[in-house]
Amino acid sequence: MAEELYEKYKDEVTEDFGKNKELVSRYLEVYSKKVRNRIAGYLTRYAKKSKRAVTSREVEEEVGEE
């Protein structure tokens, strides 16, 4: 569920847990606060992980150009 949400709305997913929690509430019908927070936490971790992957690729490209 969280992966589908990320793929669909990756431009809106941020590294901010609170904003991701609002995003989950907006696009999914989650009746449990615990489930909503788990999904938002996953989105937050995934956004941070994706950002680190992009940053490390950019560094590798810069090193390769030298």
PDB file of N, CA and C in Angstrom:
ATOM      1  N   MET A   1       0.822  -1.178   0.000  1.00  0.00           N
ATOM      2  CA  MET A   1       0.000   0.000   0.000  1.00  0.00           C
ATOM      3  C   MET A   1       0.879   1.261   0.000  1.00  0.00           C
ATOM      4  N   ALA A   2       1.882   1.290   0.854  1.00  0.00           N
ATOM      5  CA  ALA A   2       2.754   2.463   0.944  1.00  0.00           C
ATOM      6  C   ALA A   2       3.591   2.623  -0.317  1.00  0.00           C
ATOM      7  N   GLU A   3       4.027   1.506  -0.876  1.00  0.00           N
ATOM      8  CA  GLU A   3       4.836   1.571  -2.097  1.00  0.00           C
ATOM      9  C   GLU A   3       4.021   2.132  -3.258  1.00  0.00           C
ATOM     10  N   GLU A   4       2.757   1.716  -3.355  1.00  0.00           N
ATOM     11  CA  GLU A   4       1.879   2.232  -4.408  1.00  0.00           C
ATOM     12  C   GLU A   4       1.658   3.731  -4.223  1.00  0.00           C
ATOM     13  N   LEU A   5       1.455   4.139  -2.994  1.00  0.00           N
ATOM     14  CA  LEU A   5       1.259   5.556  -2.695  1.00  0.00           C
ATOM     15  C   LEU A   5       2.508   6.349  -3.057  1.00  0.00           C
ATOM     16  N   TYR A   6       3.671   5.805  -2.762  1.00  0.00           N
ATOM     17  CA  TYR A   6       4.924   6.485  -3.096  1.00  0.00           C
ATOM     18  C   TYR A   6       5.072   6.629  -4.605  1.00  0.00           C
ATOM     19  N   GLU A   7       4.819   5.562  -5.341  1.00  0.00           N
ATOM     20  CA  GLU A   7       4.963   5.613  -6.799  1.00  0.00           C
ATOM     21  C   GLU A   7       3.995   6.615  -7.418  1.00  0.00           C
ATOM     22  N   LYS A   8       2.787   6.679  -6.898  1.00  0.00           N
ATOM     23  CA  LYS A   8       1.766   7.571  -7.452  1.00  0.00           C
ATOM     24  C   LYS A   8       2.030   9.038  -7.117  1.00  0.00           C
ATOM     25  N   TYR A   9       2.474   9.301  -5.896  1.00  0.00           N
ATOM     26  CA  TYR A   9       2.592  10.676  -5.411  1.00  0.00           C
ATOM     27  C   TYR A   9       4.008  10.999  -4.944  1.00  0.00           C
ATOM     28  N   LYS A  10       5.019  10.473  -5.611  1.00  0.00           N
ATOM     29  CA  LYS A  10       6.395  10.661  -5.133  1.00  0.00           C
ATOM     30  C   LYS A  10       6.828  12.118  -5.100  1.00  0.00           C
ATOM     31  N   ASP A  11       6.180  12.976  -5.887  1.00  0.00           N
ATOM     32  CA  ASP A  11       6.510  14.402  -5.850  1.00  0.00           C
ATOM     33  C   ASP A  11       6.037  15.058  -4.556  1.00  0.00           C
ATOM     34  N   GLU A  12       5.025  14.471  -3.916  1.00  0.00           N
ATOM     35  CA  GLU A  12       4.470  15.043  -2.691  1.00  0.00           C
ATOM     36  C   GLU A  12       5.069  14.434  -1.425  1.00  0.00           C
ATOM     37  N   VAL A  13       5.685  13.271  -1.541  1.00  0.00           N
ATOM     38  CA  VAL A  13       6.276  12.606  -0.374  1.00  0.00           C
ATOM     39  C   VAL A  13       7.547  13.351   0.019  1.00  0.00           C
ATOM     40  N   THR A  14       7.682  13.635   1.311  1.00  0.00           N
ATOM     41  CA  THR A  14       8.843  14.375   1.800  1.00  0.00           C
ATOM     42  C   THR A  14       9.542  13.588   2.903  1.00  0.00           C
ATOM     43  N   GLU A  15      10.571  14.175   3.458  1.00  0.00           N
ATOM     44  CA  GLU A  15      11.274  13.577   4.593  1.00  0.00           C
ATOM     45  C   GLU A  15      10.634  13.995   5.914  1.00  0.00           C
ATOM     46  N   ASP A  16       9.526  14.713   5.852  1.00  0.00           N
ATOM     47  CA  ASP A  16       8.819  15.196   7.036  1.00  0.00           C
ATOM     48  C   ASP A  16       7.669  14.236   7.366  1.00  0.00           C
ATOM     49  N   PHE A  17       7.740  13.594   8.535  1.00  0.00           N
ATOM     50  CA  PHE A  17       6.733  12.619   8.938  1.00  0.00           C
ATOM     51  C   PHE A  17       5.334  13.234   8.990  1.00  0.00           C
ATOM     52  N   GLY A  18       5.201  14.431   9.541  1.00  0.00           N
ATOM     53  CA  GLY A  18       3.892  15.078   9.675  1.00  0.00           C
ATOM     54  C   GLY A  18       3.228  15.326   8.332  1.00  0.00           C
ATOM     55  N   LYS A  19       4.009  15.777   7.361  1.00  0.00           N
ATOM     56  CA  LYS A  19       3.455  16.018   6.025  1.00  0.00           C
ATOM     57  C   LYS A  19       3.051  14.708   5.360  1.00  0.00           C
ATOM     58  N   ASN A  20       3.841  13.668   5.571  1.00  0.00           N
ATOM     59  CA  ASN A  20       3.499  12.368   4.999  1.00  0.00           C
ATOM     60  C   ASN A  20       2.247  11.788   5.653  1.00  0.00           C
ATOM     61  N   LYS A  21       2.061  12.077   6.938  1.00  0.00           N
ATOM     62  CA  LYS A  21       0.866  11.628   7.646  1.00  0.00           C
ATOM     63  C   LYS A  21      -0.377  12.283   7.036  1.00  0.00           C
ATOM     64  N   GLU A  22      -0.287  13.571   6.721  1.00  0.00           N
ATOM     65  CA  GLU A  22      -1.392  14.272   6.066  1.00  0.00           C
ATOM     66  C   GLU A  22      -1.649  13.693   4.677  1.00  0.00           C
ATOM     67  N   LEU A  23      -0.587  13.371   3.969  1.00  0.00           N
ATOM     68  CA  LEU A  23      -0.698  12.786   2.636  1.00  0.00           C
ATOM     69  C   LEU A  23      -1.443  11.450   2.696  1.00  0.00           C
ATOM     70  N   VAL A  24      -1.099  10.617   3.655  1.00  0.00           N
ATOM     71  CA  VAL A  24      -1.766   9.322   3.818  1.00  0.00           C
ATOM     72  C   VAL A  24      -3.243   9.536   4.110  1.00  0.00           C
ATOM     73  N   SER A  25      -3.559  10.472   4.980  1.00  0.00           N
ATOM     74  CA  SER A  25      -4.956  10.748   5.313  1.00  0.00           C
ATOM     75  C   SER A  25      -5.731  11.259   4.111  1.00  0.00           C
ATOM     76  N   ARG A  26      -5.077  12.022   3.262  1.00  0.00           N
ATOM     77  CA  ARG A  26      -5.726  12.604   2.092  1.00  0.00           C
ATOM     78  C   ARG A  26      -6.044  11.558   1.021  1.00  0.00           C
ATOM     79  N   TYR A  27      -5.134  10.629   0.788  1.00  0.00           N
ATOM     80  CA  TYR A  27      -5.277   9.716  -0.342  1.00  0.00           C
ATOM     81  C   TYR A  27      -5.747   8.305   0.012  1.00  0.00           C
ATOM     82  N   LEU A  28      -5.701   7.933   1.274  1.00  0.00           N
ATOM     83  CA  LEU A  28      -6.131   6.595   1.681  1.00  0.00           C
ATOM     84  C   LEU A  28      -7.194   6.694   2.762  1.00  0.00           C
ATOM     85  N   GLU A  29      -8.085   5.716   2.785  1.00  0.00           N
ATOM     86  CA  GLU A  29      -9.071   5.632   3.853  1.00  0.00           C
ATOM     87  C   GLU A  29      -8.513   4.712   4.930  1.00  0.00           C
ATOM     88  N   VAL A  30      -7.795   5.298   5.853  1.00  0.00           N
ATOM     89  CA  VAL A  30      -7.197   4.536   6.945  1.00  0.00           C
ATOM     90  C   VAL A  30      -7.936   4.923   8.214  1.00  0.00           C
ATOM     91  N   TYR A  31      -8.556   3.935   8.845  1.00  0.00           N
ATOM     92  CA  TYR A  31      -9.352   4.216  10.032  1.00  0.00           C
ATOM     93  C   TYR A  31      -8.545   4.098  11.320  1.00  0.00           C
ATOM     94  N   SER A  32      -7.405   3.476  11.236  1.00  0.00           N
ATOM     95  CA  SER A  32      -6.573   3.275  12.414  1.00  0.00           C
ATOM     96  C   SER A  32      -5.405   4.260  12.408  1.00  0.00           C
ATOM     97  N   LYS A  33      -5.249   4.963  13.508  1.00  0.00           N
ATOM     98  CA  LYS A  33      -4.140   5.909  13.649  1.00  0.00           C
ATOM     99  C   LYS A  33      -2.798   5.180  13.567  1.00  0.00           C
ATOM    100  N   LYS A  34      -2.741   3.996  14.136  1.00  0.00           N
ATOM    101  CA  LYS A  34      -1.510   3.209  14.133  1.00  0.00           C
ATOM    102  C   LYS A  34      -1.099   2.835  12.709  1.00  0.00           C
ATOM    103  N   VAL A  35      -2.053   2.411  11.894  1.00  0.00           N
ATOM    104  CA  VAL A  35      -1.757   2.030  10.509  1.00  0.00           C
ATOM    105  C   VAL A  35      -1.343   3.257   9.707  1.00  0.00           C
ATOM    106  N   ARG A  36      -2.050   4.369   9.902  1.00  0.00           N
ATOM    107  CA  ARG A  36      -1.703   5.608   9.197  1.00  0.00           C
ATOM    108  C   ARG A  36      -0.272   6.029   9.521  1.00  0.00           C
ATOM    109  N   ASN A  37       0.090   5.960  10.793  1.00  0.00           N
ATOM    110  CA  ASN A  37       1.434   6.350  11.207  1.00  0.00           C
ATOM    111  C   ASN A  37       2.496   5.392  10.670  1.00  0.00           C
ATOM    112  N   ARG A  38       2.174   4.116  10.597  1.00  0.00           N
ATOM    113  CA  ARG A  38       3.129   3.145  10.033  1.00  0.00           C
ATOM    114  C   ARG A  38       3.391   3.440   8.564  1.00  0.00           C
ATOM    115  N   ILE A  39       2.325   3.708   7.819  1.00  0.00           N
ATOM    116  CA  ILE A  39       2.478   4.010   6.392  1.00  0.00           C
ATOM    117  C   ILE A  39       3.265   5.299   6.219  1.00  0.00           C
ATOM    118  N   ALA A  40       2.936   6.320   7.008  1.00  0.00           N
ATOM    119  CA  ALA A  40       3.652   7.598   6.927  1.00  0.00           C
ATOM    120  C   ALA A  40       5.124   7.415   7.295  1.00  0.00           C
ATOM    121  N   GLY A  41       5.407   6.590   8.285  1.00  0.00           N
ATOM    122  CA  GLY A  41       6.788   6.314   8.674  1.00  0.00           C
ATOM    123  C   GLY A  41       7.554   5.612   7.569  1.00  0.00           C
ATOM    124  N   TYR A  42       6.900   4.672   6.913  1.00  0.00           N
ATOM    125  CA  TYR A  42       7.541   3.979   5.796  1.00  0.00           C
ATOM    126  C   TYR A  42       7.855   4.968   4.680  1.00  0.00           C
ATOM    127  N   LEU A  43       6.889   5.836   4.355  1.00  0.00           N
ATOM    128  CA  LEU A  43       7.107   6.834   3.300  1.00  0.00           C
ATOM    129  C   LEU A  43       8.276   7.747   3.654  1.00  0.00           C
ATOM    130  N   THR A  44       8.360   8.147   4.907  1.00  0.00           N
ATOM    131  CA  THR A  44       9.437   9.028   5.353  1.00  0.00           C
ATOM    132  C   THR A  44      10.794   8.338   5.218  1.00  0.00           C
ATOM    133  N   ARG A  45      10.885   7.102   5.685  1.00  0.00           N
ATOM    134  CA  ARG A  45      12.143   6.352   5.561  1.00  0.00           C
ATOM    135  C   ARG A  45      12.509   6.133   4.100  1.00  0.00           C
ATOM    136  N   TYR A  46      11.525   5.806   3.279  1.00  0.00           N
ATOM    137  CA  TYR A  46      11.786   5.550   1.864  1.00  0.00           C
ATOM    138  C   TYR A  46      12.254   6.821   1.160  1.00  0.00           C
ATOM    139  N   ALA A  47      11.659   7.975   1.513  1.00  0.00           N
ATOM    140  CA  ALA A  47      12.070   9.246   0.909  1.00  0.00           C
ATOM    141  C   ALA A  47      13.516   9.568   1.279  1.00  0.00           C
ATOM    142  N   LYS A  48      13.887   9.345   2.532  1.00  0.00           N
ATOM    143  CA  LYS A  48      15.266   9.599   2.969  1.00  0.00           C
ATOM    144  C   LYS A  48      16.234   8.655   2.267  1.00  0.00           C
ATOM    145  N   LYS A  49      15.842   7.392   2.154  1.00  0.00           N
ATOM    146  CA  LYS A  49      16.686   6.395   1.495  1.00  0.00           C
ATOM    147  C   LYS A  49      16.875   6.746   0.020  1.00  0.00           C
ATOM    148  N   SER A  50      15.820   7.159  -0.643  1.00  0.00           N
ATOM    149  CA  SER A  50      15.899   7.530  -2.056  1.00  0.00           C
ATOM    150  C   SER A  50      16.794   8.743  -2.254  1.00  0.00           C
ATOM    151  N   LYS A  51      16.697   9.704  -1.351  1.00  0.00           N
ATOM    152  CA  LYS A  51      17.521  10.905  -1.453  1.00  0.00           C
ATOM    153  C   LYS A  51      18.999  10.558  -1.294  1.00  0.00           C
ATOM    154  N   ARG A  52      19.306   9.676  -0.338  1.00  0.00           N
ATOM    155  CA  ARG A  52      20.700   9.254  -0.141  1.00  0.00           C
ATOM    156  C   ARG A  52      21.227   8.528  -1.368  1.00  0.00           C
ATOM    157  N   ALA A  53      20.399   7.714  -2.000  1.00  0.00           N
ATOM    158  CA  ALA A  53      20.823   6.968  -3.189  1.00  0.00           C
ATOM    159  C   ALA A  53      21.139   7.922  -4.331  1.00  0.00           C
ATOM    160  N   VAL A  54      20.307   8.942  -4.517  1.00  0.00           N
ATOM    161  CA  VAL A  54      20.532   9.926  -5.577  1.00  0.00           C
ATOM    162  C   VAL A  54      21.803  10.710  -5.288  1.00  0.00           C
ATOM    163  N   THR A  55      22.001  11.122  -4.043  1.00  0.00           N
ATOM    164  CA  THR A  55      23.181  11.889  -3.661  1.00  0.00           C
ATOM    165  C   THR A  55      24.454  11.077  -3.883  1.00  0.00           C
ATOM    166  N   SER A  56      24.444   9.810  -3.512  1.00  0.00           N
ATOM    167  CA  SER A  56      25.651   8.995  -3.685  1.00  0.00           C
ATOM    168  C   SER A  56      25.946   8.757  -5.162  1.00  0.00           C
ATOM    169  N   ARG A  57      24.906   8.631  -5.995  1.00  0.00           N
ATOM    170  CA  ARG A  57      25.128   8.487  -7.435  1.00  0.00           C
ATOM    171  C   ARG A  57      25.745   9.744  -8.015  1.00  0.00           C
ATOM    172  N   GLU A  58      25.280  10.909  -7.559  1.00  0.00           N
ATOM    173  CA  GLU A  58      25.829  12.175  -8.046  1.00  0.00           C
ATOM    174  C   GLU A  58      27.306  12.289  -7.679  1.00  0.00           C
ATOM    175  N   VAL A  59      27.667  11.887  -6.475  1.00  0.00           N
ATOM    176  CA  VAL A  59      29.063  11.937  -6.033  1.00  0.00           C
ATOM    177  C   VAL A  59      29.904  10.992  -6.886  1.00  0.00           C
ATOM    178  N   GLU A  60      29.402   9.798  -7.147  1.00  0.00           N
ATOM    179  CA  GLU A  60      30.133   8.841  -7.981  1.00  0.00           C
ATOM    180  C   GLU A  60      30.350   9.388  -9.387  1.00  0.00           C
ATOM    181  N   GLU A  61      29.333  10.067  -9.932  1.00  0.00           N
ATOM    182  CA  GLU A  61      29.460  10.645 -11.270  1.00  0.00           C
ATOM    183  C   GLU A  61      30.512  11.752 -11.283  1.00  0.00           C
ATOM    184  N   GLU A  62      30.533  12.585 -10.233  1.00  0.00           N
ATOM    185  CA  GLU A  62      31.518  13.661 -10.153  1.00  0.00           C
ATOM    186  C   GLU A  62      32.929  13.091 -10.064  1.00  0.00           C
ATOM    187  N   VAL A  63      33.111  12.052  -9.289  1.00  0.00           N
ATOM    188  CA  VAL A  63      34.420  11.426  -9.143  1.00  0.00           C
ATOM    189  C   VAL A  63      34.837  10.799 -10.472  1.00  0.00           C
ATOM    190  N   GLY A  64      33.902  10.207 -11.177  1.00  0.00           N
ATOM    191  CA  GLY A  64      34.196   9.579 -12.458  1.00  0.00           C
ATOM    192  C   GLY A  64      34.583  10.573 -13.533  1.00  0.00           C
ATOM    193  N   GLU A  65      34.091  11.799 -13.440  1.00  0.00           N
ATOM    194  CA  GLU A  65      34.393  12.834 -14.430  1.00  0.00           C
ATOM    195  C   GLU A  65      35.802  13.384 -14.264  1.00  0.00           C
ATOM    196  N   GLU A  66      36.355  13.284 -13.068  1.00  0.00           N
ATOM    197  CA  GLU A  66      37.683  13.858 -12.792  1.00  0.00           C
ATOM    198  C   GLU A  66      38.788  13.052 -13.347  1.00  0.00           C
TER     199      GLU A  66
END
